[in-house]
Amino acid sequence: MSSRLRNIFFFFGLAAVACMFYSFDFDFSRVNIFKTWPYLIAVVAIWIFVYGCNAEAYRTIINCLTGGNTISYRDSYRLTVSGFSISFITPFGSGGGPYRILELQHAIGINHATSSTVLYSMMHVCSHFCLWTTAVILFPIVHFSLMTPFYWVLSVVMLGIAAVVFYFFNVGYKNGMIVKFFRLMTRIPLLGRPFAKWEVRYADNLKQMDLNIALLHQYPKAFWKSLFMEYAARLVNCFEFMFIFLALDLTPNYFDALFVLALSSLVGNLLFFFPMQVGAREGGLAIMLLILGIPAAFALYCAFYTRLREIIWVAVGVLVIKLGKLKIHNDHEKP
C-alpha cells in the first residue's frame, strides 16, 4: 500500500476514534472503576489471545494459497488488528477487507491477496455459525428447565438454517464464489451495469481467484486449522463476559458467557447496518440476560465494558497502520 493511502486510513481512523470517545455516553458513577479496574484490564487483555487466534487463521490461509512461508505471524497479527479496526469504523464493516488486500497486494499479487482475504472472511463468518450452532445445541442441555415449546421449535429451526448455511459454505469452499457473486450483483438495479462491465473486464482474474479459493479445500490440514483457530477465537472471547460477570458480582459461568456472546453477536450481525452496531448487541445482551434470569439492566453495564474495550483496540489498530510494509519471507510468482 502506498504511504498516501496508509495515511488516509490512519487519519480516518484517528477521527473515528475521537468520535467514539466523544459519543461514549455513559454515567461512570454507575461503575466503581476503583473496584472493577482489574476486570476491565482482563476484558481488554483477553483480546490479545482472540486476535492471536484470528491472526494464525489468516496466516494459515495466506501461506497455503501462496505455497510457502510468505507472511510472518507478527505481520498477520498486525493486519488482523488493523483490519478489524477499519471494519469496525466503516459503514457495513466494509473497510477491513479492502485495507488488507491493499496491504498484501504488493507482496503476493492482487489475485492471491483478494482470494486470501475473501477466504478468511468466509472462515470468519463460518466460525460465527459454528458458535451459534454450539449455543443452540448446548442451551437445552445446560438449561433444560428453561426450555419451552417455543424454544424447542426455535432451536430446531435455527439448526435447520445452520445446516443450509454450512452446505452453501461447503459449495463455496469447493468451487469458489467470486464469479457467482458478480453474476448475482449484475441482477441488482443500479449496481448491475457496473458489475457486468467488471465481470467482463476482469473475467480471467475472477476465475483465478475462485481457483485460489477452491485450492484451500484441497489442503484439509490448512482448511481445518484455519477454521479451528477462528472457532477457538470465539471460545476465548467468551471469557470476556466471564470477567464482566465477575465485575458485576454475578456468578461466573462459562456456558452462560457463551450463550450471551452467541446471542449478542447474532443480533449484532443481523443488524450489521447499525453504525458500530450501536444498540444492536445491547439488545441481544438484554434478551439473553432475561432468559437466564438476570435483570436486563445489567446489559447496560456489560455494554460499558465491551464498548470501552472496542475503543481501546480500535485505537491500537489505527496506530498499527503506521508500522509500514509487510516483510515477505520468500520469493514466488505474483499472478
C-alpha atoms as a PDB file:
ATOM      1  CA  MET A   1       0.000   0.000   0.000  1.00  0.00           C
ATOM      2  CA  SER A   2       1.276   3.491  -0.810  1.00  0.00           C
ATOM      3  CA  SER A   3       2.157   5.864   2.014  1.00  0.00           C
ATOM      4  CA  ARG A   4      -0.619   8.197   0.869  1.00  0.00           C
ATOM      5  CA  LEU A   5      -3.314   5.528   1.181  1.00  0.00           C
ATOM      6  CA  ARG A   6      -1.896   4.377   4.508  1.00  0.00           C
ATOM      7  CA  ASN A   7      -2.082   7.944   5.818  1.00  0.00           C
ATOM      8  CA  ILE A   8      -5.692   8.236   4.638  1.00  0.00           C
ATOM      9  CA  PHE A   9      -6.627   5.109   6.611  1.00  0.00           C
ATOM     10  CA  PHE A  10      -4.623   6.362   9.581  1.00  0.00           C
ATOM     11  CA  PHE A  11      -6.175   9.837   9.813  1.00  0.00           C
ATOM     12  CA  PHE A  12      -9.656   8.483   9.097  1.00  0.00           C
ATOM     13  CA  GLY A  13      -9.122   6.060  11.965  1.00  0.00           C
ATOM     14  CA  LEU A  14      -7.959   8.810  14.302  1.00  0.00           C
ATOM     15  CA  ALA A  15     -11.057  10.842  13.501  1.00  0.00           C
ATOM     16  CA  ALA A  16     -13.263   7.787  14.121  1.00  0.00           C
ATOM     17  CA  VAL A  17     -11.608   7.072  17.491  1.00  0.00           C
ATOM     18  CA  ALA A  18     -12.112  10.714  18.509  1.00  0.00           C
ATOM     19  CA  CYS A  19     -15.804  10.463  17.587  1.00  0.00           C
ATOM     20  CA  MET A  20     -16.124   7.214  19.550  1.00  0.00           C
ATOM     21  CA  PHE A  21     -14.659   8.823  22.668  1.00  0.00           C
ATOM     22  CA  TYR A  22     -16.848  11.912  22.238  1.00  0.00           C
ATOM     23  CA  SER A  23     -20.021   9.860  21.776  1.00  0.00           C
ATOM     24  CA  PHE A  24     -19.271   7.426  24.614  1.00  0.00           C
ATOM     25  CA  ASP A  25     -22.289   8.497  26.668  1.00  0.00           C
ATOM     26  CA  PHE A  26     -22.179   6.665  29.988  1.00  0.00           C
ATOM     27  CA  ASP A  27     -22.586   7.685  33.595  1.00  0.00           C
ATOM     28  CA  PHE A  28     -19.286   6.487  35.054  1.00  0.00           C
ATOM     29  CA  SER A  29     -20.675   6.912  38.575  1.00  0.00           C
ATOM     30  CA  ARG A  30     -22.673   3.727  37.925  1.00  0.00           C
ATOM     31  CA  VAL A  31     -19.495   1.678  37.741  1.00  0.00           C
ATOM     32  CA  ASN A  32     -16.982   1.519  40.570  1.00  0.00           C
ATOM     33  CA  ILE A  33     -13.815   1.748  38.476  1.00  0.00           C
ATOM     34  CA  PHE A  34     -11.580   1.548  41.568  1.00  0.00           C
ATOM     35  CA  LYS A  35     -13.124  -1.815  42.423  1.00  0.00           C
ATOM     36  CA  THR A  36     -13.530  -3.286  38.948  1.00  0.00           C
ATOM     37  CA  TRP A  37     -10.454  -1.999  37.083  1.00  0.00           C
ATOM     38  CA  PRO A  38      -8.695  -5.423  37.210  1.00  0.00           C
ATOM     39  CA  TYR A  39     -11.651  -6.916  35.337  1.00  0.00           C
ATOM     40  CA  LEU A  40     -11.592  -4.087  32.805  1.00  0.00           C
ATOM     41  CA  ILE A  41      -7.920  -4.822  32.141  1.00  0.00           C
ATOM     42  CA  ALA A  42      -8.765  -8.510  31.787  1.00  0.00           C
ATOM     43  CA  VAL A  43     -11.574  -7.713  29.309  1.00  0.00           C
ATOM     44  CA  VAL A  44      -9.136  -5.723  27.174  1.00  0.00           C
ATOM     45  CA  ALA A  45      -6.271  -8.209  27.558  1.00  0.00           C
ATOM     46  CA  ILE A  46      -8.285 -11.287  26.563  1.00  0.00           C
ATOM     47  CA  TRP A  47      -8.458  -9.862  23.053  1.00  0.00           C
ATOM     48  CA  ILE A  48      -4.705 -10.293  22.709  1.00  0.00           C
ATOM     49  CA  PHE A  49      -5.464 -14.010  22.510  1.00  0.00           C
ATOM     50  CA  VAL A  50      -8.637 -13.588  20.432  1.00  0.00           C
ATOM     51  CA  TYR A  51      -6.739 -11.658  17.779  1.00  0.00           C
ATOM     52  CA  GLY A  52      -3.890 -14.128  18.138  1.00  0.00           C
ATOM     53  CA  CYS A  53      -6.178 -16.960  17.006  1.00  0.00           C
ATOM     54  CA  ASN A  54      -7.591 -14.801  14.189  1.00  0.00           C
ATOM     55  CA  ALA A  55      -4.073 -13.942  13.020  1.00  0.00           C
ATOM     56  CA  GLU A  56      -2.998 -17.584  12.862  1.00  0.00           C
ATOM     57  CA  ALA A  57      -6.118 -18.450  10.829  1.00  0.00           C
ATOM     58  CA  TYR A  58      -5.389 -15.644   8.349  1.00  0.00           C
ATOM     59  CA  ARG A  59      -1.696 -16.558   8.144  1.00  0.00           C
ATOM     60  CA  THR A  60      -2.555 -20.225   7.506  1.00  0.00           C
ATOM     61  CA  ILE A  61      -4.787 -19.275   4.571  1.00  0.00           C
ATOM     62  CA  ILE A  62      -2.272 -16.860   3.024  1.00  0.00           C
ATOM     63  CA  ASN A  63       0.634 -19.282   3.280  1.00  0.00           C
ATOM     64  CA  CYS A  64      -1.453 -22.149   1.907  1.00  0.00           C
ATOM     65  CA  LEU A  65      -2.530 -20.202  -1.192  1.00  0.00           C
ATOM     66  CA  THR A  66       0.946 -18.829  -1.869  1.00  0.00           C
ATOM     67  CA  GLY A  67       2.678 -22.135  -1.288  1.00  0.00           C
ATOM     68  CA  GLY A  68       5.272 -21.027   1.233  1.00  0.00           C
ATOM     69  CA  ASN A  69       6.071 -19.259   4.485  1.00  0.00           C
ATOM     70  CA  THR A  70       5.128 -15.944   2.915  1.00  0.00           C
ATOM     71  CA  ILE A  71       3.897 -13.905   5.842  1.00  0.00           C
ATOM     72  CA  SER A  72       5.097 -13.962   9.423  1.00  0.00           C
ATOM     73  CA  TYR A  73       2.827 -14.340  12.413  1.00  0.00           C
ATOM     74  CA  ARG A  74       3.725 -10.815  13.533  1.00  0.00           C
ATOM     75  CA  ASP A  75       2.662  -9.266  10.225  1.00  0.00           C
ATOM     76  CA  SER A  76      -0.506 -11.357  10.166  1.00  0.00           C
ATOM     77  CA  TYR A  77      -1.292 -10.153  13.681  1.00  0.00           C
ATOM     78  CA  ARG A  78      -0.781  -6.546  12.604  1.00  0.00           C
ATOM     79  CA  LEU A  79      -3.073  -6.967   9.602  1.00  0.00           C
ATOM     80  CA  THR A  80      -5.664  -8.659  11.787  1.00  0.00           C
ATOM     81  CA  VAL A  81      -5.829  -5.929  14.428  1.00  0.00           C
ATOM     82  CA  SER A  82      -5.733  -3.038  11.973  1.00  0.00           C
ATOM     83  CA  GLY A  83      -8.162  -4.751   9.574  1.00  0.00           C
ATOM     84  CA  PHE A  84     -10.773  -5.353  12.267  1.00  0.00           C
ATOM     85  CA  SER A  85     -10.360  -1.761  13.459  1.00  0.00           C
ATOM     86  CA  ILE A  86     -11.035  -0.419   9.961  1.00  0.00           C
ATOM     87  CA  SER A  87     -14.027  -2.756   9.608  1.00  0.00           C
ATOM     88  CA  PHE A  88     -15.462  -1.562  12.898  1.00  0.00           C
ATOM     89  CA  ILE A  89     -15.407   2.135  11.984  1.00  0.00           C
ATOM     90  CA  THR A  90     -16.567   1.874   8.353  1.00  0.00           C
ATOM     91  CA  PRO A  91     -20.185   1.510   7.160  1.00  0.00           C
ATOM     92  CA  PHE A  92     -21.361  -2.124   6.957  1.00  0.00           C
ATOM     93  CA  GLY A  93     -17.893  -3.209   8.133  1.00  0.00           C
ATOM     94  CA  SER A  94     -16.738  -2.734   4.549  1.00  0.00           C
ATOM     95  CA  GLY A  95     -13.283  -1.231   5.016  1.00  0.00           C
ATOM     96  CA  GLY A  96     -11.252  -4.007   6.621  1.00  0.00           C
ATOM     97  CA  GLY A  97     -11.176  -6.335   3.610  1.00  0.00           C
ATOM     98  CA  PRO A  98     -10.034  -3.731   1.045  1.00  0.00           C
ATOM     99  CA  TYR A  99      -7.434  -2.462   3.516  1.00  0.00           C
ATOM    100  CA  ARG A 100      -5.943  -5.932   3.919  1.00  0.00           C
ATOM    101  CA  ILE A 101      -5.937  -6.503   0.161  1.00  0.00           C
ATOM    102  CA  LEU A 102      -4.146  -3.201  -0.446  1.00  0.00           C
ATOM    103  CA  GLU A 103      -1.540  -4.076   2.178  1.00  0.00           C
ATOM    104  CA  LEU A 104      -0.982  -7.579   0.767  1.00  0.00           C
ATOM    105  CA  GLN A 105      -1.109  -6.969  -2.981  1.00  0.00           C
ATOM    106  CA  HIS A 106       2.457  -5.645  -3.319  1.00  0.00           C
ATOM    107  CA  ALA A 107       3.712  -8.815  -1.642  1.00  0.00           C
ATOM    108  CA  ILE A 108       1.655 -11.662  -3.083  1.00  0.00           C
ATOM    109  CA  GLY A 109      -0.217 -10.108  -6.017  1.00  0.00           C
ATOM    110  CA  ILE A 110      -3.774  -8.846  -6.263  1.00  0.00           C
ATOM    111  CA  ASN A 111      -5.300 -12.272  -7.022  1.00  0.00           C
ATOM    112  CA  HIS A 112      -3.762 -14.031  -4.047  1.00  0.00           C
ATOM    113  CA  ALA A 113      -4.390 -11.032  -1.785  1.00  0.00           C
ATOM    114  CA  THR A 114      -8.076 -10.923  -2.734  1.00  0.00           C
ATOM    115  CA  SER A 115      -8.548 -14.694  -2.580  1.00  0.00           C
ATOM    116  CA  SER A 116      -6.877 -14.946   0.833  1.00  0.00           C
ATOM    117  CA  THR A 117      -8.952 -12.112   2.254  1.00  0.00           C
ATOM    118  CA  VAL A 118     -12.233 -13.443   0.826  1.00  0.00           C
ATOM    119  CA  LEU A 119     -11.410 -16.916   2.165  1.00  0.00           C
ATOM    120  CA  TYR A 120     -10.616 -15.513   5.586  1.00  0.00           C
ATOM    121  CA  SER A 121     -13.884 -13.539   5.613  1.00  0.00           C
ATOM    122  CA  MET A 122     -15.754 -16.739   4.738  1.00  0.00           C
ATOM    123  CA  MET A 123     -13.948 -18.598   7.526  1.00  0.00           C
ATOM    124  CA  HIS A 124     -14.676 -15.759   9.958  1.00  0.00           C
ATOM    125  CA  VAL A 125     -18.402 -15.862   9.169  1.00  0.00           C
ATOM    126  CA  CYS A 126     -18.412 -19.666   9.232  1.00  0.00           C
ATOM    127  CA  SER A 127     -16.961 -19.616  12.744  1.00  0.00           C
ATOM    128  CA  HIS A 128     -19.838 -17.352  13.784  1.00  0.00           C
ATOM    129  CA  PHE A 129     -22.272 -20.034  12.641  1.00  0.00           C
ATOM    130  CA  CYS A 130     -20.222 -22.663  14.489  1.00  0.00           C
ATOM    131  CA  LEU A 131     -20.568 -20.623  17.684  1.00  0.00           C
ATOM    132  CA  TRP A 132     -24.300 -20.095  17.210  1.00  0.00           C
ATOM    133  CA  THR A 133     -24.813 -23.792  16.462  1.00  0.00           C
ATOM    134  CA  THR A 134     -22.830 -24.728  19.586  1.00  0.00           C
ATOM    135  CA  ALA A 135     -25.042 -22.424  21.673  1.00  0.00           C
ATOM    136  CA  VAL A 136     -28.242 -23.882  20.194  1.00  0.00           C
ATOM    137  CA  ILE A 137     -27.081 -27.431  20.987  1.00  0.00           C
ATOM    138  CA  LEU A 138     -25.767 -26.696  24.480  1.00  0.00           C
ATOM    139  CA  PHE A 139     -28.548 -24.433  25.774  1.00  0.00           C
ATOM    140  CA  PRO A 140     -31.183 -27.224  26.121  1.00  0.00           C
ATOM    141  CA  ILE A 141     -28.573 -29.388  27.851  1.00  0.00           C
ATOM    142  CA  VAL A 142     -27.368 -26.750  30.320  1.00  0.00           C
ATOM    143  CA  HIS A 143     -30.742 -25.062  30.904  1.00  0.00           C
ATOM    144  CA  PHE A 144     -33.249 -27.819  30.233  1.00  0.00           C
ATOM    145  CA  SER A 145     -35.641 -26.377  32.852  1.00  0.00           C
ATOM    146  CA  LEU A 146     -35.882 -23.118  30.880  1.00  0.00           C
ATOM    147  CA  MET A 147     -36.931 -24.811  27.653  1.00  0.00           C
ATOM    148  CA  THR A 148     -40.479 -24.129  26.485  1.00  0.00           C
ATOM    149  CA  PRO A 149     -42.259 -25.398  23.347  1.00  0.00           C
ATOM    150  CA  PHE A 150     -41.369 -22.093  21.664  1.00  0.00           C
ATOM    151  CA  TYR A 151     -37.654 -22.512  22.497  1.00  0.00           C
ATOM    152  CA  TRP A 152     -37.686 -26.119  21.251  1.00  0.00           C
ATOM    153  CA  VAL A 153     -39.222 -25.094  17.920  1.00  0.00           C
ATOM    154  CA  LEU A 154     -36.827 -22.145  17.645  1.00  0.00           C
ATOM    155  CA  SER A 155     -33.838 -24.425  18.297  1.00  0.00           C
ATOM    156  CA  VAL A 156     -34.910 -26.867  15.576  1.00  0.00           C
ATOM    157  CA  VAL A 157     -35.445 -24.001  13.098  1.00  0.00           C
ATOM    158  CA  MET A 158     -32.039 -22.499  13.878  1.00  0.00           C
ATOM    159  CA  LEU A 159     -30.313 -25.864  13.460  1.00  0.00           C
ATOM    160  CA  GLY A 160     -32.050 -26.259  10.093  1.00  0.00           C
ATOM    161  CA  ILE A 161     -30.879 -22.817   9.000  1.00  0.00           C
ATOM    162  CA  ALA A 162     -27.346 -23.628  10.162  1.00  0.00           C
ATOM    163  CA  ALA A 163     -27.357 -26.863   8.127  1.00  0.00           C
ATOM    164  CA  VAL A 164     -28.362 -24.964   4.963  1.00  0.00           C
ATOM    165  CA  VAL A 165     -25.727 -22.285   5.590  1.00  0.00           C
ATOM    166  CA  PHE A 166     -22.970 -24.866   6.133  1.00  0.00           C
ATOM    167  CA  TYR A 167     -23.989 -26.564   2.872  1.00  0.00           C
ATOM    168  CA  PHE A 168     -23.559 -23.320   0.927  1.00  0.00           C
ATOM    169  CA  PHE A 169     -20.252 -22.640   2.688  1.00  0.00           C
ATOM    170  CA  ASN A 170     -19.063 -26.085   1.601  1.00  0.00           C
ATOM    171  CA  VAL A 171     -20.070 -25.389  -2.013  1.00  0.00           C
ATOM    172  CA  GLY A 172     -18.308 -22.020  -1.856  1.00  0.00           C
ATOM    173  CA  TYR A 173     -15.101 -23.556  -0.492  1.00  0.00           C
ATOM    174  CA  LYS A 174     -15.090 -26.285  -3.147  1.00  0.00           C
ATOM    175  CA  ASN A 175     -15.887 -24.157  -6.190  1.00  0.00           C
ATOM    176  CA  GLY A 176     -15.200 -20.552  -5.224  1.00  0.00           C
ATOM    177  CA  MET A 177     -17.845 -17.874  -5.063  1.00  0.00           C
ATOM    178  CA  ILE A 178     -16.471 -14.671  -6.567  1.00  0.00           C
ATOM    179  CA  VAL A 179     -17.733 -15.277 -10.120  1.00  0.00           C
ATOM    180  CA  LYS A 180     -21.167 -16.264  -8.780  1.00  0.00           C
ATOM    181  CA  PHE A 181     -21.192 -13.177  -6.576  1.00  0.00           C
ATOM    182  CA  PHE A 182     -20.502 -10.891  -9.547  1.00  0.00           C
ATOM    183  CA  ARG A 183     -23.219 -12.596 -11.596  1.00  0.00           C
ATOM    184  CA  LEU A 184     -25.676 -12.120  -8.738  1.00  0.00           C
ATOM    185  CA  MET A 185     -24.768  -8.445  -8.439  1.00  0.00           C
ATOM    186  CA  THR A 186     -25.411  -7.880 -12.158  1.00  0.00           C
ATOM    187  CA  ARG A 187     -29.111  -8.555 -11.498  1.00  0.00           C
ATOM    188  CA  ILE A 188     -29.446  -5.794  -8.910  1.00  0.00           C
ATOM    189  CA  PRO A 189     -30.858  -2.475 -10.186  1.00  0.00           C
ATOM    190  CA  LEU A 190     -28.322   0.374 -10.435  1.00  0.00           C
ATOM    191  CA  LEU A 191     -25.440  -1.903  -9.424  1.00  0.00           C
ATOM    192  CA  GLY A 192     -25.999  -4.370 -12.277  1.00  0.00           C
ATOM    193  CA  ARG A 193     -24.421  -2.366 -15.086  1.00  0.00           C
ATOM    194  CA  PRO A 194     -21.037  -1.582 -13.447  1.00  0.00           C
ATOM    195  CA  PHE A 195     -20.732  -5.137 -12.092  1.00  0.00           C
ATOM    196  CA  ALA A 196     -21.482  -6.519 -15.569  1.00  0.00           C
ATOM    197  CA  LYS A 197     -18.645  -4.402 -17.010  1.00  0.00           C
ATOM    198  CA  TRP A 198     -16.251  -5.533 -14.279  1.00  0.00           C
ATOM    199  CA  GLU A 199     -17.239  -9.167 -14.802  1.00  0.00           C
ATOM    200  CA  VAL A 200     -16.278  -8.939 -18.486  1.00  0.00           C
ATOM    201  CA  ARG A 201     -13.170  -6.835 -17.908  1.00  0.00           C
ATOM    202  CA  TYR A 202     -11.732  -8.942 -15.097  1.00  0.00           C
ATOM    203  CA  ALA A 203     -13.129 -12.347 -16.101  1.00  0.00           C
ATOM    204  CA  ASP A 204      -9.737 -14.099 -16.009  1.00  0.00           C
ATOM    205  CA  ASN A 205      -8.839 -12.567 -12.644  1.00  0.00           C
ATOM    206  CA  LEU A 206     -12.188 -13.562 -11.115  1.00  0.00           C
ATOM    207  CA  LYS A 207     -11.805 -17.147 -12.325  1.00  0.00           C
ATOM    208  CA  GLN A 208      -8.257 -17.289 -10.937  1.00  0.00           C
ATOM    209  CA  MET A 209      -9.478 -16.023  -7.570  1.00  0.00           C
ATOM    210  CA  ASP A 210     -12.118 -18.767  -7.466  1.00  0.00           C
ATOM    211  CA  LEU A 211      -9.434 -21.339  -8.285  1.00  0.00           C
ATOM    212  CA  ASN A 212      -7.366 -19.984  -5.394  1.00  0.00           C
ATOM    213  CA  ILE A 213     -10.337 -20.241  -3.036  1.00  0.00           C
ATOM    214  CA  ALA A 214     -11.029 -23.830  -4.114  1.00  0.00           C
ATOM    215  CA  LEU A 215      -7.338 -24.629  -3.572  1.00  0.00           C
ATOM    216  CA  LEU A 216      -7.684 -24.356   0.211  1.00  0.00           C
ATOM    217  CA  HIS A 217     -10.294 -27.128   0.183  1.00  0.00           C
ATOM    218  CA  GLN A 218      -7.689 -29.430  -1.400  1.00  0.00           C
ATOM    219  CA  TYR A 219      -5.467 -28.988   1.672  1.00  0.00           C
ATOM    220  CA  PRO A 220      -7.668 -30.254   4.522  1.00  0.00           C
ATOM    221  CA  LYS A 221      -4.988 -29.707   7.161  1.00  0.00           C
ATOM    222  CA  ALA A 222      -4.783 -25.975   6.395  1.00  0.00           C
ATOM    223  CA  PHE A 223      -8.558 -25.732   5.940  1.00  0.00           C
ATOM    224  CA  TRP A 224      -9.431 -27.288   9.292  1.00  0.00           C
ATOM    225  CA  LYS A 225      -6.619 -25.496  11.092  1.00  0.00           C
ATOM    226  CA  SER A 226      -7.850 -22.077   9.929  1.00  0.00           C
ATOM    227  CA  LEU A 227     -11.452 -22.926  10.841  1.00  0.00           C
ATOM    228  CA  PHE A 228     -10.386 -24.310  14.228  1.00  0.00           C
ATOM    229  CA  MET A 229      -8.377 -21.169  15.034  1.00  0.00           C
ATOM    230  CA  GLU A 230     -11.330 -18.951  14.139  1.00  0.00           C
ATOM    231  CA  TYR A 231     -13.661 -21.083  16.259  1.00  0.00           C
ATOM    232  CA  ALA A 232     -11.116 -21.045  19.091  1.00  0.00           C
ATOM    233  CA  ALA A 233     -11.136 -17.243  18.928  1.00  0.00           C
ATOM    234  CA  ARG A 234     -14.886 -17.338  19.636  1.00  0.00           C
ATOM    235  CA  LEU A 235     -14.411 -19.688  22.578  1.00  0.00           C
ATOM    236  CA  VAL A 236     -11.666 -17.486  24.042  1.00  0.00           C
ATOM    237  CA  ASN A 237     -13.907 -14.447  23.536  1.00  0.00           C
ATOM    238  CA  CYS A 238     -16.406 -15.998  25.970  1.00  0.00           C
ATOM    239  CA  PHE A 239     -14.010 -15.250  28.834  1.00  0.00           C
ATOM    240  CA  GLU A 240     -14.659 -11.555  28.215  1.00  0.00           C
ATOM    241  CA  PHE A 241     -18.196 -11.977  29.555  1.00  0.00           C
ATOM    242  CA  MET A 242     -16.966 -14.132  32.419  1.00  0.00           C
ATOM    243  CA  PHE A 243     -14.791 -11.216  33.570  1.00  0.00           C
ATOM    244  CA  ILE A 244     -17.735  -8.853  33.120  1.00  0.00           C
ATOM    245  CA  PHE A 245     -19.904 -11.167  35.253  1.00  0.00           C
ATOM    246  CA  LEU A 246     -17.255 -11.041  37.972  1.00  0.00           C
ATOM    247  CA  ALA A 247     -17.118  -7.253  37.787  1.00  0.00           C
ATOM    248  CA  LEU A 248     -20.900  -7.132  38.269  1.00  0.00           C
ATOM    249  CA  ASP A 249     -20.765  -9.557  41.235  1.00  0.00           C
ATOM    250  CA  LEU A 250     -22.563 -12.238  39.231  1.00  0.00           C
ATOM    251  CA  THR A 251     -21.647 -15.910  39.392  1.00  0.00           C
ATOM    252  CA  PRO A 252     -19.270 -16.625  36.512  1.00  0.00           C
ATOM    253  CA  ASN A 253     -20.375 -19.476  34.265  1.00  0.00           C
ATOM    254  CA  TYR A 254     -18.578 -20.253  31.011  1.00  0.00           C
ATOM    255  CA  PHE A 255     -21.658 -21.694  29.305  1.00  0.00           C
ATOM    256  CA  ASP A 256     -23.770 -18.662  30.168  1.00  0.00           C
ATOM    257  CA  ALA A 257     -20.971 -16.439  28.868  1.00  0.00           C
ATOM    258  CA  LEU A 258     -21.047 -18.440  25.627  1.00  0.00           C
ATOM    259  CA  PHE A 259     -24.823 -18.017  25.326  1.00  0.00           C
ATOM    260  CA  VAL A 260     -24.589 -14.269  25.955  1.00  0.00           C
ATOM    261  CA  LEU A 261     -21.828 -13.875  23.369  1.00  0.00           C
ATOM    262  CA  ALA A 262     -23.679 -16.010  20.823  1.00  0.00           C
ATOM    263  CA  LEU A 263     -26.967 -14.118  21.009  1.00  0.00           C
ATOM    264  CA  SER A 264     -25.422 -10.650  21.242  1.00  0.00           C
ATOM    265  CA  SER A 265     -23.191 -11.344  18.223  1.00  0.00           C
ATOM    266  CA  LEU A 266     -26.141 -12.859  16.323  1.00  0.00           C
ATOM    267  CA  VAL A 267     -28.294  -9.758  16.848  1.00  0.00           C
ATOM    268  CA  GLY A 268     -25.316  -7.514  16.066  1.00  0.00           C
ATOM    269  CA  ASN A 269     -24.685  -9.317  12.783  1.00  0.00           C
ATOM    270  CA  LEU A 270     -28.363  -9.316  11.802  1.00  0.00           C
ATOM    271  CA  LEU A 271     -28.396  -5.550  12.344  1.00  0.00           C
ATOM    272  CA  PHE A 272     -24.962  -5.016  10.778  1.00  0.00           C
ATOM    273  CA  PHE A 273     -26.105  -1.782   9.133  1.00  0.00           C
ATOM    274  CA  PHE A 274     -26.281  -0.012  12.515  1.00  0.00           C
ATOM    275  CA  PRO A 275     -23.240   2.305  12.905  1.00  0.00           C
ATOM    276  CA  MET A 276     -20.749   0.376  15.039  1.00  0.00           C
ATOM    277  CA  GLN A 277     -23.731  -1.898  15.905  1.00  0.00           C
ATOM    278  CA  VAL A 278     -24.859   0.711  18.432  1.00  0.00           C
ATOM    279  CA  GLY A 279     -27.837  -0.649  20.353  1.00  0.00           C
ATOM    280  CA  ALA A 280     -27.945  -3.908  18.377  1.00  0.00           C
ATOM    281  CA  ARG A 281     -25.708  -6.050  20.555  1.00  0.00           C
ATOM    282  CA  GLU A 282     -27.036  -4.391  23.691  1.00  0.00           C
ATOM    283  CA  GLY A 283     -30.497  -5.615  22.719  1.00  0.00           C
ATOM    284  CA  GLY A 284     -29.171  -9.144  22.259  1.00  0.00           C
ATOM    285  CA  LEU A 285     -27.438  -8.909  25.629  1.00  0.00           C
ATOM    286  CA  ALA A 286     -30.630  -7.793  27.361  1.00  0.00           C
ATOM    287  CA  ILE A 287     -32.670 -10.627  25.795  1.00  0.00           C
ATOM    288  CA  MET A 288     -30.172 -13.326  26.778  1.00  0.00           C
ATOM    289  CA  LEU A 289     -29.771 -11.968  30.307  1.00  0.00           C
ATOM    290  CA  LEU A 290     -33.558 -12.016  30.768  1.00  0.00           C
ATOM    291  CA  ILE A 291     -33.711 -15.627  29.569  1.00  0.00           C
ATOM    292  CA  LEU A 292     -31.032 -16.519  32.123  1.00  0.00           C
ATOM    293  CA  GLY A 293     -32.950 -14.775  34.888  1.00  0.00           C
ATOM    294  CA  ILE A 294     -30.579 -11.799  35.149  1.00  0.00           C
ATOM    295  CA  PRO A 295     -32.106  -8.274  35.162  1.00  0.00           C
ATOM    296  CA  ALA A 296     -31.897  -6.733  31.693  1.00  0.00           C
ATOM    297  CA  ALA A 297     -30.465  -3.554  33.239  1.00  0.00           C
ATOM    298  CA  PHE A 298     -27.146  -5.403  33.560  1.00  0.00           C
ATOM    299  CA  ALA A 299     -26.900  -5.220  29.756  1.00  0.00           C
ATOM    300  CA  LEU A 300     -26.023  -1.538  30.124  1.00  0.00           C
ATOM    301  CA  TYR A 301     -23.092  -2.368  32.381  1.00  0.00           C
ATOM    302  CA  CYS A 302     -21.940  -5.141  30.049  1.00  0.00           C
ATOM    303  CA  ALA A 303     -22.065  -2.640  27.189  1.00  0.00           C
ATOM    304  CA  PHE A 304     -19.815  -0.291  29.171  1.00  0.00           C
ATOM    305  CA  TYR A 305     -17.012  -2.841  29.292  1.00  0.00           C
ATOM    306  CA  THR A 306     -17.389  -4.083  25.708  1.00  0.00           C
ATOM    307  CA  ARG A 307     -17.639  -0.570  24.209  1.00  0.00           C
ATOM    308  CA  LEU A 308     -14.635   0.697  26.154  1.00  0.00           C
ATOM    309  CA  ARG A 309     -12.671  -2.377  25.077  1.00  0.00           C
ATOM    310  CA  GLU A 310     -13.633  -1.718  21.452  1.00  0.00           C
ATOM    311  CA  ILE A 311     -12.469   1.894  21.614  1.00  0.00           C
ATOM    312  CA  ILE A 312      -9.105   0.864  23.063  1.00  0.00           C
ATOM    313  CA  TRP A 313      -8.492  -1.847  20.449  1.00  0.00           C
ATOM    314  CA  VAL A 314      -9.656   0.351  17.557  1.00  0.00           C
ATOM    315  CA  ALA A 315      -7.139   2.960  18.734  1.00  0.00           C
ATOM    316  CA  VAL A 316      -4.423   0.281  18.832  1.00  0.00           C
ATOM    317  CA  GLY A 317      -5.392  -0.919  15.347  1.00  0.00           C
ATOM    318  CA  VAL A 318      -5.258   2.603  13.935  1.00  0.00           C
ATOM    319  CA  LEU A 319      -1.787   3.173  15.394  1.00  0.00           C
ATOM    320  CA  VAL A 320      -0.613  -0.175  13.998  1.00  0.00           C
ATOM    321  CA  ILE A 321      -1.437   1.058  10.475  1.00  0.00           C
ATOM    322  CA  LYS A 322       1.634   3.282  10.594  1.00  0.00           C
ATOM    323  CA  LEU A 323       4.078   0.422  11.157  1.00  0.00           C
ATOM    324  CA  GLY A 324       4.859   0.195   7.440  1.00  0.00           C
ATOM    325  CA  LYS A 325       5.045  -2.503   4.791  1.00  0.00           C
ATOM    326  CA  LEU A 326       4.903  -6.233   5.338  1.00  0.00           C
ATOM    327  CA  LYS A 327       8.064  -8.321   5.266  1.00  0.00           C
ATOM    328  CA  ILE A 328       7.895 -11.215   2.814  1.00  0.00           C
ATOM    329  CA  HIS A 329       9.984 -14.292   3.603  1.00  0.00           C
ATOM    330  CA  ASN A 330      10.241 -15.994   0.242  1.00  0.00           C
ATOM    331  CA  ASP A 331      10.084 -15.159  -3.438  1.00  0.00           C
ATOM    332  CA  HIS A 332       7.376 -16.556  -5.623  1.00  0.00           C
ATOM    333  CA  GLU A 333       5.400 -15.612  -8.674  1.00  0.00           C
ATOM    334  CA  LYS A 334       2.879 -12.830  -8.201  1.00  0.00           C
ATOM    335  CA  PRO A 335      -0.076 -13.567 -10.504  1.00  0.00           C
END
